[in-house]
């Protein structure tokens, strides 16, 4: 499995302050890595661009989960539900949040649950 480029890791650390828990950065990094470099896929011709796109989407979703108003969280849940690989990566990595970011784990778990409950087109 590929590791993230240093610039992507730094972007995630800068965007997710320590008050969110160090596990939040680990969660975001693992989701970005899985989405940008899926197992079995051919390596991207531009891994930096793929990681940047995935990081932007992950940070947008986490921002809505942590700080968004109700309508922003609902819109984020629809976007997450419409993106199968991203939803799978969020779901698969929820356990990374439990160790040191319990309060934030609940917000992300609620986003994942909402994504699973509603069709992407609603």
PDB file of N, CA and C in Angstrom:
ATOM      1  N   UNK A   1       0.848  -1.174   0.000  1.00  0.00           N
ATOM      2  CA  UNK A   1       0.000   0.000   0.000  1.00  0.00           C
ATOM      3  C   UNK A   1       0.892   1.234   0.000  1.00  0.00           C
ATOM      4  N   UNK A   2       0.559   2.196  -0.816  1.00  0.00           N
ATOM      5  CA  UNK A   2       1.331   3.435  -0.906  1.00  0.00           C
ATOM      6  C   UNK A   2       1.179   4.291   0.338  1.00  0.00           C
ATOM      7  N   UNK A   3       2.199   5.041   0.633  1.00  0.00           N
ATOM      8  CA  UNK A   3       2.100   6.044   1.683  1.00  0.00           C
ATOM      9  C   UNK A   3       1.749   7.377   1.035  1.00  0.00           C
ATOM     10  N   UNK A   4       1.202   8.273   1.821  1.00  0.00           N
ATOM     11  CA  UNK A   4       0.841   9.579   1.287  1.00  0.00           C
ATOM     12  C   UNK A   4       2.083  10.426   1.064  1.00  0.00           C
ATOM     13  N   UNK A   5       1.981  11.306   0.112  1.00  0.00           N
ATOM     14  CA  UNK A   5       3.059  12.246  -0.145  1.00  0.00           C
ATOM     15  C   UNK A   5       3.186  13.192   1.054  1.00  0.00           C
ATOM     16  N   UNK A   6       4.382  13.660   1.362  1.00  0.00           N
ATOM     17  CA  UNK A   6       4.566  14.549   2.517  1.00  0.00           C
ATOM     18  C   UNK A   6       3.671  15.788   2.485  1.00  0.00           C
ATOM     19  N   UNK A   7       3.453  16.347   1.303  1.00  0.00           N
ATOM     20  CA  UNK A   7       2.595  17.530   1.201  1.00  0.00           C
ATOM     21  C   UNK A   7       1.155  17.245   1.580  1.00  0.00           C
ATOM     22  N   UNK A   8       0.668  16.072   1.220  1.00  0.00           N
ATOM     23  CA  UNK A   8      -0.699  15.697   1.579  1.00  0.00           C
ATOM     24  C   UNK A   8      -0.811  15.504   3.087  1.00  0.00           C
ATOM     25  N   UNK A   9       0.154  14.811   3.667  1.00  0.00           N
ATOM     26  CA  UNK A   9       0.142  14.602   5.119  1.00  0.00           C
ATOM     27  C   UNK A   9       0.190  15.932   5.860  1.00  0.00           C
ATOM     28  N   UNK A  10       1.029  16.853   5.406  1.00  0.00           N
ATOM     29  CA  UNK A  10       1.136  18.163   6.045  1.00  0.00           C
ATOM     30  C   UNK A  10      -0.173  18.938   5.920  1.00  0.00           C
ATOM     31  N   UNK A  11      -0.808  18.848   4.767  1.00  0.00           N
ATOM     32  CA  UNK A  11      -2.091  19.544   4.578  1.00  0.00           C
ATOM     33  C   UNK A  11      -3.130  19.042   5.569  1.00  0.00           C
ATOM     34  N   UNK A  12      -3.200  17.732   5.748  1.00  0.00           N
ATOM     35  CA  UNK A  12      -4.168  17.165   6.686  1.00  0.00           C
ATOM     36  C   UNK A  12      -3.853  17.598   8.117  1.00  0.00           C
ATOM     37  N   UNK A  13      -2.586  17.565   8.501  1.00  0.00           N
ATOM     38  CA  UNK A  13      -2.197  17.982   9.863  1.00  0.00           C
ATOM     39  C   UNK A  13      -2.554  19.453  10.091  1.00  0.00           C
ATOM     40  N   UNK A  14      -2.311  20.286   9.093  1.00  0.00           N
ATOM     41  CA  UNK A  14      -2.604  21.718   9.233  1.00  0.00           C
ATOM     42  C   UNK A  14      -4.103  21.988   9.308  1.00  0.00           C
ATOM     43  N   UNK A  15      -4.874  21.225   8.572  1.00  0.00           N
ATOM     44  CA  UNK A  15      -6.324  21.457   8.506  1.00  0.00           C
ATOM     45  C   UNK A  15      -7.077  20.876   9.694  1.00  0.00           C
ATOM     46  N   UNK A  16      -6.487  19.901  10.359  1.00  0.00           N
ATOM     47  CA  UNK A  16      -7.154  19.242  11.484  1.00  0.00           C
ATOM     48  C   UNK A  16      -6.357  19.531  12.754  1.00  0.00           C
ATOM     49  N   UNK A  17      -6.735  20.587  13.470  1.00  0.00           N
ATOM     50  CA  UNK A  17      -5.950  21.016  14.634  1.00  0.00           C
ATOM     51  C   UNK A  17      -5.909  19.956  15.729  1.00  0.00           C
ATOM     52  N   UNK A  18      -4.892  20.049  16.602  1.00  0.00           N
ATOM     53  CA  UNK A  18      -4.718  19.054  17.667  1.00  0.00           C
ATOM     54  C   UNK A  18      -5.948  18.880  18.559  1.00  0.00           C
ATOM     55  N   UNK A  19      -6.760  19.912  18.701  1.00  0.00           N
ATOM     56  CA  UNK A  19      -7.966  19.795  19.515  1.00  0.00           C
ATOM     57  C   UNK A  19      -8.941  18.748  19.010  1.00  0.00           C
ATOM     58  N   UNK A  20      -8.776  18.335  17.769  1.00  0.00           N
ATOM     59  CA  UNK A  20      -9.628  17.287  17.195  1.00  0.00           C
ATOM     60  C   UNK A  20      -9.123  15.899  17.580  1.00  0.00           C
ATOM     61  N   UNK A  21      -7.944  15.824  18.128  1.00  0.00           N
ATOM     62  CA  UNK A  21      -7.356  14.531  18.472  1.00  0.00           C
ATOM     63  C   UNK A  21      -6.437  14.060  17.365  1.00  0.00           C
ATOM     64  N   UNK A  22      -5.292  13.520  17.746  1.00  0.00           N
ATOM     65  CA  UNK A  22      -4.328  13.063  16.740  1.00  0.00           C
ATOM     66  C   UNK A  22      -4.903  11.950  15.878  1.00  0.00           C
ATOM     67  N   UNK A  23      -5.850  11.222  16.414  1.00  0.00           N
ATOM     68  CA  UNK A  23      -6.460  10.137  15.641  1.00  0.00           C
ATOM     69  C   UNK A  23      -7.268  10.662  14.464  1.00  0.00           C
ATOM     70  N   UNK A  24      -7.737  11.904  14.560  1.00  0.00           N
ATOM     71  CA  UNK A  24      -8.500  12.473  13.457  1.00  0.00           C
ATOM     72  C   UNK A  24      -7.610  12.625  12.224  1.00  0.00           C
ATOM     73  N   UNK A  25      -6.369  13.023  12.436  1.00  0.00           N
ATOM     74  CA  UNK A  25      -5.421  13.126  11.324  1.00  0.00           C
ATOM     75  C   UNK A  25      -5.138  11.739  10.762  1.00  0.00           C
ATOM     76  N   UNK A  26      -4.947  10.757  11.638  1.00  0.00           N
ATOM     77  CA  UNK A  26      -4.705   9.384  11.185  1.00  0.00           C
ATOM     78  C   UNK A  26      -5.885   8.869  10.379  1.00  0.00           C
ATOM     79  N   UNK A  27      -7.102   9.144  10.860  1.00  0.00           N
ATOM     80  CA  UNK A  27      -8.310   8.739  10.144  1.00  0.00           C
ATOM     81  C   UNK A  27      -8.335   9.371   8.753  1.00  0.00           C
ATOM     82  N   UNK A  28      -8.154  10.692   8.694  1.00  0.00           N
ATOM     83  CA  UNK A  28      -8.214  11.392   7.409  1.00  0.00           C
ATOM     84  C   UNK A  28      -7.139  10.882   6.458  1.00  0.00           C
ATOM     85  N   UNK A  29      -5.938  10.661   6.979  1.00  0.00           N
ATOM     86  CA  UNK A  29      -4.844  10.184   6.127  1.00  0.00           C
ATOM     87  C   UNK A  29      -5.148   8.805   5.558  1.00  0.00           C
ATOM     88  N   UNK A  30      -5.691   7.943   6.370  1.00  0.00           N
ATOM     89  CA  UNK A  30      -5.994   6.588   5.898  1.00  0.00           C
ATOM     90  C   UNK A  30      -7.113   6.618   4.854  1.00  0.00           C
ATOM     91  N   UNK A  31      -8.125   7.449   5.072  1.00  0.00           N
ATOM     92  CA  UNK A  31      -9.209   7.568   4.087  1.00  0.00           C
ATOM     93  C   UNK A  31      -8.653   8.109   2.772  1.00  0.00           C
ATOM     94  N   UNK A  32      -7.845   9.157   2.835  1.00  0.00           N
ATOM     95  CA  UNK A  32      -7.260   9.725   1.617  1.00  0.00           C
ATOM     96  C   UNK A  32      -6.419   8.671   0.906  1.00  0.00           C
ATOM     97  N   UNK A  33      -5.607   7.952   1.657  1.00  0.00           N
ATOM     98  CA  UNK A  33      -4.744   6.933   1.057  1.00  0.00           C
ATOM     99  C   UNK A  33      -5.576   5.869   0.353  1.00  0.00           C
ATOM    100  N   UNK A  34      -6.631   5.391   0.991  1.00  0.00           N
ATOM    101  CA  UNK A  34      -7.449   4.335   0.385  1.00  0.00           C
ATOM    102  C   UNK A  34      -8.187   4.819  -0.851  1.00  0.00           C
ATOM    103  N   UNK A  35      -8.632   6.061  -0.834  1.00  0.00           N
ATOM    104  CA  UNK A  35      -9.371   6.591  -1.979  1.00  0.00           C
ATOM    105  C   UNK A  35      -8.418   6.944  -3.127  1.00  0.00           C
ATOM    106  N   UNK A  36      -7.289   7.548  -2.811  1.00  0.00           N
ATOM    107  CA  UNK A  36      -6.356   7.982  -3.848  1.00  0.00           C
ATOM    108  C   UNK A  36      -5.533   6.834  -4.424  1.00  0.00           C
ATOM    109  N   UNK A  37      -5.321   5.788  -3.629  1.00  0.00           N
ATOM    110  CA  UNK A  37      -4.488   4.659  -4.059  1.00  0.00           C
ATOM    111  C   UNK A  37      -5.199   3.335  -3.745  1.00  0.00           C
ATOM    112  N   UNK A  38      -6.311   3.057  -4.420  1.00  0.00           N
ATOM    113  CA  UNK A  38      -7.067   1.837  -4.106  1.00  0.00           C
ATOM    114  C   UNK A  38      -6.269   0.566  -4.400  1.00  0.00           C
ATOM    115  N   UNK A  39      -6.470  -0.422  -3.551  1.00  0.00           N
ATOM    116  CA  UNK A  39      -5.816  -1.716  -3.751  1.00  0.00           C
ATOM    117  C   UNK A  39      -6.193  -2.286  -5.110  1.00  0.00           C
ATOM    118  N   UNK A  40      -5.214  -2.809  -5.803  1.00  0.00           N
ATOM    119  CA  UNK A  40      -5.454  -3.465  -7.082  1.00  0.00           C
ATOM    120  C   UNK A  40      -5.547  -2.539  -8.270  1.00  0.00           C
ATOM    121  N   UNK A  41      -5.559  -1.243  -8.032  1.00  0.00           N
ATOM    122  CA  UNK A  41      -5.658  -0.299  -9.145  1.00  0.00           C
ATOM    123  C   UNK A  41      -4.272   0.007  -9.694  1.00  0.00           C
ATOM    124  N   UNK A  42      -4.233   0.371 -10.945  1.00  0.00           N
ATOM    125  CA  UNK A  42      -2.985   0.811 -11.549  1.00  0.00           C
ATOM    126  C   UNK A  42      -2.542   2.096 -10.859  1.00  0.00           C
ATOM    127  N   UNK A  43      -1.260   2.275 -10.637  1.00  0.00           N
ATOM    128  CA  UNK A  43      -0.787   3.529 -10.040  1.00  0.00           C
ATOM    129  C   UNK A  43      -1.192   4.728 -10.902  1.00  0.00           C
ATOM    130  N   UNK A  44      -1.575   5.782 -10.230  1.00  0.00           N
ATOM    131  CA  UNK A  44      -1.995   7.000 -10.915  1.00  0.00           C
ATOM    132  C   UNK A  44      -0.804   7.651 -11.613  1.00  0.00           C
ATOM    133  N   UNK A  45      -1.079   8.278 -12.748  1.00  0.00           N
ATOM    134  CA  UNK A  45      -0.020   9.010 -13.446  1.00  0.00           C
ATOM    135  C   UNK A  45       0.311  10.310 -12.720  1.00  0.00           C
ATOM    136  N   UNK A  46      -0.607  10.777 -11.859  1.00  0.00           N
ATOM    137  CA  UNK A  46      -0.379  11.998 -11.086  1.00  0.00           C
ATOM    138  C   UNK A  46      -0.865  11.773  -9.655  1.00  0.00           C
ATOM    139  N   UNK A  47      -0.081  11.055  -8.840  1.00  0.00           N
ATOM    140  CA  UNK A  47      -0.527  10.741  -7.478  1.00  0.00           C
ATOM    141  C   UNK A  47      -0.768  11.973  -6.624  1.00  0.00           C
ATOM    142  N   UNK A  48      -0.019  13.034  -6.853  1.00  0.00           N
ATOM    143  CA  UNK A  48      -0.219  14.253  -6.065  1.00  0.00           C
ATOM    144  C   UNK A  48      -1.608  14.832  -6.301  1.00  0.00           C
ATOM    145  N   UNK A  49      -2.041  14.860  -7.552  1.00  0.00           N
ATOM    146  CA  UNK A  49      -3.369  15.397  -7.874  1.00  0.00           C
ATOM    147  C   UNK A  49      -4.468  14.514  -7.290  1.00  0.00           C
ATOM    148  N   UNK A  50      -4.307  13.196  -7.371  1.00  0.00           N
ATOM    149  CA  UNK A  50      -5.300  12.288  -6.795  1.00  0.00           C
ATOM    150  C   UNK A  50      -5.416  12.455  -5.293  1.00  0.00           C
ATOM    151  N   UNK A  51      -4.284  12.591  -4.633  1.00  0.00           N
ATOM    152  CA  UNK A  51      -4.301  12.803  -3.184  1.00  0.00           C
ATOM    153  C   UNK A  51      -4.912  14.158  -2.837  1.00  0.00           C
ATOM    154  N   UNK A  52      -4.602  15.166  -3.627  1.00  0.00           N
ATOM    155  CA  UNK A  52      -5.157  16.500  -3.362  1.00  0.00           C
ATOM    156  C   UNK A  52      -6.678  16.491  -3.486  1.00  0.00           C
ATOM    157  N   UNK A  53      -7.189  15.827  -4.530  1.00  0.00           N
ATOM    158  CA  UNK A  53      -8.650  15.737  -4.708  1.00  0.00           C
ATOM    159  C   UNK A  53      -9.286  14.991  -3.546  1.00  0.00           C
ATOM    160  N   UNK A  54      -8.703  13.861  -3.166  1.00  0.00           N
ATOM    161  CA  UNK A  54      -9.258  13.076  -2.070  1.00  0.00           C
ATOM    162  C   UNK A  54      -9.185  13.855  -0.757  1.00  0.00           C
ATOM    163  N   UNK A  55      -8.081  14.536  -0.512  1.00  0.00           N
ATOM    164  CA  UNK A  55      -7.936  15.314   0.724  1.00  0.00           C
ATOM    165  C   UNK A  55      -8.969  16.432   0.792  1.00  0.00           C
ATOM    166  N   UNK A  56      -9.208  17.103  -0.323  1.00  0.00           N
ATOM    167  CA  UNK A  56     -10.214  18.168  -0.351  1.00  0.00           C
ATOM    168  C   UNK A  56     -11.583  17.607   0.017  1.00  0.00           C
ATOM    169  N   UNK A  57     -11.941  16.472  -0.560  1.00  0.00           N
ATOM    170  CA  UNK A  57     -13.244  15.862  -0.265  1.00  0.00           C
ATOM    171  C   UNK A  57     -13.336  15.411   1.191  1.00  0.00           C
ATOM    172  N   UNK A  58     -12.283  14.781   1.701  1.00  0.00           N
ATOM    173  CA  UNK A  58     -12.288  14.310   3.093  1.00  0.00           C
ATOM    174  C   UNK A  58     -12.410  15.490   4.049  1.00  0.00           C
ATOM    175  N   UNK A  59     -11.623  16.531   3.837  1.00  0.00           N
ATOM    176  CA  UNK A  59     -11.675  17.695   4.729  1.00  0.00           C
ATOM    177  C   UNK A  59     -13.031  18.382   4.668  1.00  0.00           C
ATOM    178  N   UNK A  60     -13.634  18.434   3.490  1.00  0.00           N
ATOM    179  CA  UNK A  60     -14.971  19.014   3.351  1.00  0.00           C
ATOM    180  C   UNK A  60     -15.988  18.198   4.151  1.00  0.00           C
ATOM    181  N   UNK A  61     -15.928  16.898   4.025  1.00  0.00           N
ATOM    182  CA  UNK A  61     -16.868  16.034   4.757  1.00  0.00           C
ATOM    183  C   UNK A  61     -16.654  16.125   6.262  1.00  0.00           C
ATOM    184  N   UNK A  62     -15.405  16.111   6.694  1.00  0.00           N
ATOM    185  CA  UNK A  62     -15.125  16.214   8.135  1.00  0.00           C
ATOM    186  C   UNK A  62     -15.546  17.576   8.677  1.00  0.00           C
ATOM    187  N   UNK A  63     -15.319  18.626   7.905  1.00  0.00           N
ATOM    188  CA  UNK A  63     -15.749  19.956   8.334  1.00  0.00           C
ATOM    189  C   UNK A  63     -17.253  20.013   8.557  1.00  0.00           C
ATOM    190  N   UNK A  64     -18.002  19.415   7.651  1.00  0.00           N
ATOM    191  CA  UNK A  64     -19.462  19.380   7.802  1.00  0.00           C
ATOM    192  C   UNK A  64     -19.854  18.545   9.021  1.00  0.00           C
ATOM    193  N   UNK A  65     -19.180  17.422   9.219  1.00  0.00           N
ATOM    194  CA  UNK A  65     -19.506  16.554  10.360  1.00  0.00           C
ATOM    195  C   UNK A  65     -19.221  17.251  11.682  1.00  0.00           C
ATOM    196  N   UNK A  66     -18.102  17.964  11.764  1.00  0.00           N
ATOM    197  CA  UNK A  66     -17.690  18.572  13.026  1.00  0.00           C
ATOM    198  C   UNK A  66     -18.352  19.910  13.301  1.00  0.00           C
ATOM    199  N   UNK A  67     -18.540  20.725  12.263  1.00  0.00           N
ATOM    200  CA  UNK A  67     -18.949  22.111  12.488  1.00  0.00           C
ATOM    201  C   UNK A  67     -20.148  22.554  11.676  1.00  0.00           C
ATOM    202  N   UNK A  68     -20.632  21.698  10.805  1.00  0.00           N
ATOM    203  CA  UNK A  68     -21.694  22.115   9.896  1.00  0.00           C
ATOM    204  C   UNK A  68     -23.046  22.224  10.563  1.00  0.00           C
ATOM    205  N   UNK A  69     -23.860  23.118  10.017  1.00  0.00           N
ATOM    206  CA  UNK A  69     -25.253  23.203  10.425  1.00  0.00           C
ATOM    207  C   UNK A  69     -25.969  21.948   9.926  1.00  0.00           C
ATOM    208  N   UNK A  70     -27.166  21.748  10.380  1.00  0.00           N
ATOM    209  CA  UNK A  70     -27.920  20.543  10.034  1.00  0.00           C
ATOM    210  C   UNK A  70     -28.014  20.327   8.525  1.00  0.00           C
ATOM    211  N   UNK A  71     -28.323  21.382   7.778  1.00  0.00           N
ATOM    212  CA  UNK A  71     -28.446  21.226   6.324  1.00  0.00           C
ATOM    213  C   UNK A  71     -27.096  20.910   5.682  1.00  0.00           C
ATOM    214  N   UNK A  72     -26.001  21.427   6.235  1.00  0.00           N
ATOM    215  CA  UNK A  72     -24.666  21.110   5.707  1.00  0.00           C
ATOM    216  C   UNK A  72     -24.304  19.655   5.976  1.00  0.00           C
ATOM    217  N   UNK A  73     -24.671  19.160   7.162  1.00  0.00           N
ATOM    218  CA  UNK A  73     -24.418  17.747   7.471  1.00  0.00           C
ATOM    219  C   UNK A  73     -25.243  16.842   6.575  1.00  0.00           C
ATOM    220  N   UNK A  74     -26.484  17.216   6.300  1.00  0.00           N
ATOM    221  CA  UNK A  74     -27.328  16.417   5.409  1.00  0.00           C
ATOM    222  C   UNK A  74     -26.767  16.394   3.987  1.00  0.00           C
ATOM    223  N   UNK A  75     -26.319  17.541   3.508  1.00  0.00           N
ATOM    224  CA  UNK A  75     -25.727  17.599   2.159  1.00  0.00           C
ATOM    225  C   UNK A  75     -24.441  16.767   2.116  1.00  0.00           C
ATOM    226  N   UNK A  76     -23.642  16.825   3.182  1.00  0.00           N
ATOM    227  CA  UNK A  76     -22.411  16.023   3.238  1.00  0.00           C
ATOM    228  C   UNK A  76     -22.741  14.539   3.248  1.00  0.00           C
ATOM    229  N   UNK A  77     -23.787  14.157   3.966  1.00  0.00           N
ATOM    230  CA  UNK A  77     -24.194  12.745   3.997  1.00  0.00           C
ATOM    231  C   UNK A  77     -24.613  12.281   2.602  1.00  0.00           C
ATOM    232  N   UNK A  78     -25.295  13.133   1.847  1.00  0.00           N
ATOM    233  CA  UNK A  78     -25.676  12.769   0.479  1.00  0.00           C
ATOM    234  C   UNK A  78     -24.432  12.613  -0.401  1.00  0.00           C
ATOM    235  N   UNK A  79     -23.487  13.548  -0.262  1.00  0.00           N
ATOM    236  CA  UNK A  79     -22.251  13.446  -1.063  1.00  0.00           C
ATOM    237  C   UNK A  79     -21.481  12.180  -0.698  1.00  0.00           C
ATOM    238  N   UNK A  80     -21.394  11.897   0.584  1.00  0.00           N
ATOM    239  CA  UNK A  80     -20.685  10.690   1.022  1.00  0.00           C
ATOM    240  C   UNK A  80     -21.403   9.446   0.517  1.00  0.00           C
ATOM    241  N   UNK A  81     -22.719   9.425   0.593  1.00  0.00           N
ATOM    242  CA  UNK A  81     -23.492   8.283   0.129  1.00  0.00           C
ATOM    243  C   UNK A  81     -23.380   8.046  -1.364  1.00  0.00           C
ATOM    244  N   UNK A  82     -23.099   9.119  -2.118  1.00  0.00           N
ATOM    245  CA  UNK A  82     -22.973   8.998  -3.572  1.00  0.00           C
ATOM    246  C   UNK A  82     -21.579   8.547  -4.005  1.00  0.00           C
ATOM    247  N   UNK A  83     -20.660   8.463  -3.072  1.00  0.00           N
ATOM    248  CA  UNK A  83     -19.267   8.131  -3.380  1.00  0.00           C
ATOM    249  C   UNK A  83     -18.901   6.835  -2.661  1.00  0.00           C
ATOM    250  N   UNK A  84     -19.163   5.719  -3.331  1.00  0.00           N
ATOM    251  CA  UNK A  84     -18.953   4.405  -2.719  1.00  0.00           C
ATOM    252  C   UNK A  84     -17.568   4.187  -2.136  1.00  0.00           C
ATOM    253  N   UNK A  85     -16.498   4.462  -2.868  1.00  0.00           N
ATOM    254  CA  UNK A  85     -15.164   4.257  -2.308  1.00  0.00           C
ATOM    255  C   UNK A  85     -14.890   5.130  -1.084  1.00  0.00           C
ATOM    256  N   UNK A  86     -15.376   6.369  -1.105  1.00  0.00           N
ATOM    257  CA  UNK A  86     -15.170   7.255   0.040  1.00  0.00           C
ATOM    258  C   UNK A  86     -15.980   6.761   1.235  1.00  0.00           C
ATOM    259  N   UNK A  87     -17.225   6.364   1.001  1.00  0.00           N
ATOM    260  CA  UNK A  87     -18.063   5.853   2.081  1.00  0.00           C
ATOM    261  C   UNK A  87     -17.437   4.598   2.693  1.00  0.00           C
ATOM    262  N   UNK A  88     -16.952   3.713   1.857  1.00  0.00           N
ATOM    263  CA  UNK A  88     -16.305   2.493   2.356  1.00  0.00           C
ATOM    264  C   UNK A  88     -15.084   2.828   3.200  1.00  0.00           C
ATOM    265  N   UNK A  89     -14.277   3.776   2.744  1.00  0.00           N
ATOM    266  CA  UNK A  89     -13.074   4.152   3.491  1.00  0.00           C
ATOM    267  C   UNK A  89     -13.432   4.812   4.819  1.00  0.00           C
ATOM    268  N   UNK A  90     -14.451   5.668   4.830  1.00  0.00           N
ATOM    269  CA  UNK A  90     -14.903   6.272   6.089  1.00  0.00           C
ATOM    270  C   UNK A  90     -15.346   5.172   7.051  1.00  0.00           C
ATOM    271  N   UNK A  91     -16.173   4.269   6.565  1.00  0.00           N
ATOM    272  CA  UNK A  91     -16.707   3.196   7.414  1.00  0.00           C
ATOM    273  C   UNK A  91     -15.587   2.301   7.943  1.00  0.00           C
ATOM    274  N   UNK A  92     -14.681   1.908   7.063  1.00  0.00           N
ATOM    275  CA  UNK A  92     -13.608   0.982   7.448  1.00  0.00           C
ATOM    276  C   UNK A  92     -12.661   1.571   8.472  1.00  0.00           C
ATOM    277  N   UNK A  93     -12.571   2.879   8.559  1.00  0.00           N
ATOM    278  CA  UNK A  93     -11.580   3.509   9.426  1.00  0.00           C
ATOM    279  C   UNK A  93     -12.154   4.193  10.654  1.00  0.00           C
ATOM    280  N   UNK A  94     -13.443   4.029  10.905  1.00  0.00           N
ATOM    281  CA  UNK A  94     -14.048   4.644  12.087  1.00  0.00           C
ATOM    282  C   UNK A  94     -13.327   4.255  13.377  1.00  0.00           C
ATOM    283  N   UNK A  95     -12.837   3.024  13.436  1.00  0.00           N
ATOM    284  CA  UNK A  95     -12.177   2.569  14.662  1.00  0.00           C
ATOM    285  C   UNK A  95     -10.929   3.390  14.987  1.00  0.00           C
ATOM    286  N   UNK A  96     -10.323   4.032  14.000  1.00  0.00           N
ATOM    287  CA  UNK A  96      -9.146   4.862  14.263  1.00  0.00           C
ATOM    288  C   UNK A  96      -9.487   6.077  15.123  1.00  0.00           C
ATOM    289  N   UNK A  97     -10.745   6.503  15.100  1.00  0.00           N
ATOM    290  CA  UNK A  97     -11.166   7.665  15.875  1.00  0.00           C
ATOM    291  C   UNK A  97     -11.475   7.322  17.330  1.00  0.00           C
ATOM    292  N   UNK A  98     -11.777   6.099  17.608  1.00  0.00           N
ATOM    293  CA  UNK A  98     -12.220   5.714  18.945  1.00  0.00           C
ATOM    294  C   UNK A  98     -11.159   5.909  20.016  1.00  0.00           C
ATOM    295  N   UNK A  99      -9.912   5.704  19.673  1.00  0.00           N
ATOM    296  CA  UNK A  99      -8.853   5.723  20.679  1.00  0.00           C
ATOM    297  C   UNK A  99      -8.640   7.093  21.316  1.00  0.00           C
ATOM    298  N   UNK A 100      -8.646   8.148  20.518  1.00  0.00           N
ATOM    299  CA  UNK A 100      -8.313   9.451  21.096  1.00  0.00           C
ATOM    300  C   UNK A 100      -9.248  10.583  20.691  1.00  0.00           C
ATOM    301  N   UNK A 101     -10.258  10.308  19.953  1.00  0.00           N
ATOM    302  CA  UNK A 101     -11.149  11.372  19.483  1.00  0.00           C
ATOM    303  C   UNK A 101     -12.601  10.936  19.608  1.00  0.00           C
ATOM    304  N   UNK A 102     -12.957  10.451  20.792  1.00  0.00           N
ATOM    305  CA  UNK A 102     -14.288   9.867  20.971  1.00  0.00           C
ATOM    306  C   UNK A 102     -15.434  10.795  20.558  1.00  0.00           C
ATOM    307  N   UNK A 103     -15.392  12.043  20.969  1.00  0.00           N
ATOM    308  CA  UNK A 103     -16.459  12.969  20.594  1.00  0.00           C
ATOM    309  C   UNK A 103     -16.552  13.165  19.096  1.00  0.00           C
ATOM    310  N   UNK A 104     -15.405  13.215  18.466  1.00  0.00           N
ATOM    311  CA  UNK A 104     -15.387  13.400  17.018  1.00  0.00           C
ATOM    312  C   UNK A 104     -15.761  12.112  16.301  1.00  0.00           C
ATOM    313  N   UNK A 105     -15.479  10.999  16.915  1.00  0.00           N
ATOM    314  CA  UNK A 105     -15.881   9.724  16.326  1.00  0.00           C
ATOM    315  C   UNK A 105     -17.395   9.675  16.178  1.00  0.00           C
ATOM    316  N   UNK A 106     -18.104  10.181  17.158  1.00  0.00           N
ATOM    317  CA  UNK A 106     -19.561  10.198  17.093  1.00  0.00           C
ATOM    318  C   UNK A 106     -20.074  11.035  15.935  1.00  0.00           C
ATOM    319  N   UNK A 107     -19.446  12.184  15.696  1.00  0.00           N
ATOM    320  CA  UNK A 107     -19.862  13.048  14.591  1.00  0.00           C
ATOM    321  C   UNK A 107     -19.618  12.373  13.246  1.00  0.00           C
ATOM    322  N   UNK A 108     -18.483  11.704  13.110  1.00  0.00           N
ATOM    323  CA  UNK A 108     -18.173  11.029  11.848  1.00  0.00           C
ATOM    324  C   UNK A 108     -19.065   9.798  11.676  1.00  0.00           C
ATOM    325  N   UNK A 109     -19.284   9.056  12.758  1.00  0.00           N
ATOM    326  CA  UNK A 109     -20.166   7.890  12.691  1.00  0.00           C
ATOM    327  C   UNK A 109     -21.586   8.309  12.311  1.00  0.00           C
ATOM    328  N   UNK A 110     -22.041   9.445  12.830  1.00  0.00           N
ATOM    329  CA  UNK A 110     -23.378   9.936  12.479  1.00  0.00           C
ATOM    330  C   UNK A 110     -23.444  10.298  10.999  1.00  0.00           C
ATOM    331  N   UNK A 111     -22.367  10.879  10.470  1.00  0.00           N
ATOM    332  CA  UNK A 111     -22.320  11.200   9.043  1.00  0.00           C
ATOM    333  C   UNK A 111     -22.390   9.930   8.207  1.00  0.00           C
ATOM    334  N   UNK A 112     -21.628   8.920   8.591  1.00  0.00           N
ATOM    335  CA  UNK A 112     -21.631   7.641   7.866  1.00  0.00           C
ATOM    336  C   UNK A 112     -23.015   7.001   7.939  1.00  0.00           C
ATOM    337  N   UNK A 113     -23.608   6.980   9.132  1.00  0.00           N
ATOM    338  CA  UNK A 113     -24.949   6.405   9.286  1.00  0.00           C
ATOM    339  C   UNK A 113     -25.960   7.127   8.415  1.00  0.00           C
ATOM    340  N   UNK A 114     -25.890   8.460   8.397  1.00  0.00           N
ATOM    341  CA  UNK A 114     -26.822   9.225   7.571  1.00  0.00           C
ATOM    342  C   UNK A 114     -26.612   8.928   6.090  1.00  0.00           C
ATOM    343  N   UNK A 115     -25.353   8.759   5.682  1.00  0.00           N
ATOM    344  CA  UNK A 115     -25.052   8.427   4.282  1.00  0.00           C
ATOM    345  C   UNK A 115     -25.633   7.067   3.911  1.00  0.00           C
ATOM    346  N   UNK A 116     -25.588   6.144   4.838  1.00  0.00           N
ATOM    347  CA  UNK A 116     -26.101   4.795   4.578  1.00  0.00           C
ATOM    348  C   UNK A 116     -27.627   4.761   4.584  1.00  0.00           C
ATOM    349  N   UNK A 117     -28.258   5.677   5.320  1.00  0.00           N
ATOM    350  CA  UNK A 117     -29.716   5.679   5.472  1.00  0.00           C
ATOM    351  C   UNK A 117     -30.466   6.295   4.306  1.00  0.00           C
ATOM    352  N   UNK A 118     -29.841   7.191   3.579  1.00  0.00           N
ATOM    353  CA  UNK A 118     -30.583   7.902   2.531  1.00  0.00           C
ATOM    354  C   UNK A 118     -29.953   7.667   1.165  1.00  0.00           C
ATOM    355  N   UNK A 119     -30.788   7.567   0.172  1.00  0.00           N
ATOM    356  CA  UNK A 119     -30.257   7.433  -1.187  1.00  0.00           C
ATOM    357  C   UNK A 119     -29.494   8.710  -1.570  1.00  0.00           C
ATOM    358  N   UNK A 120     -28.503   8.557  -2.399  1.00  0.00           N
ATOM    359  CA  UNK A 120     -27.663   9.688  -2.808  1.00  0.00           C
ATOM    360  C   UNK A 120     -28.473  10.744  -3.545  1.00  0.00           C
ATOM    361  N   UNK A 121     -29.550  10.375  -4.176  1.00  0.00           N
ATOM    362  CA  UNK A 121     -30.314  11.336  -4.968  1.00  0.00           C
ATOM    363  C   UNK A 121     -31.345  12.112  -4.159  1.00  0.00           C
ATOM    364  N   UNK A 122     -31.506  11.789  -2.859  1.00  0.00           N
ATOM    365  CA  UNK A 122     -32.540  12.505  -2.089  1.00  0.00           C
ATOM    366  C   UNK A 122     -32.071  13.844  -1.607  1.00  0.00           C
TER     367      UNK A 122
END
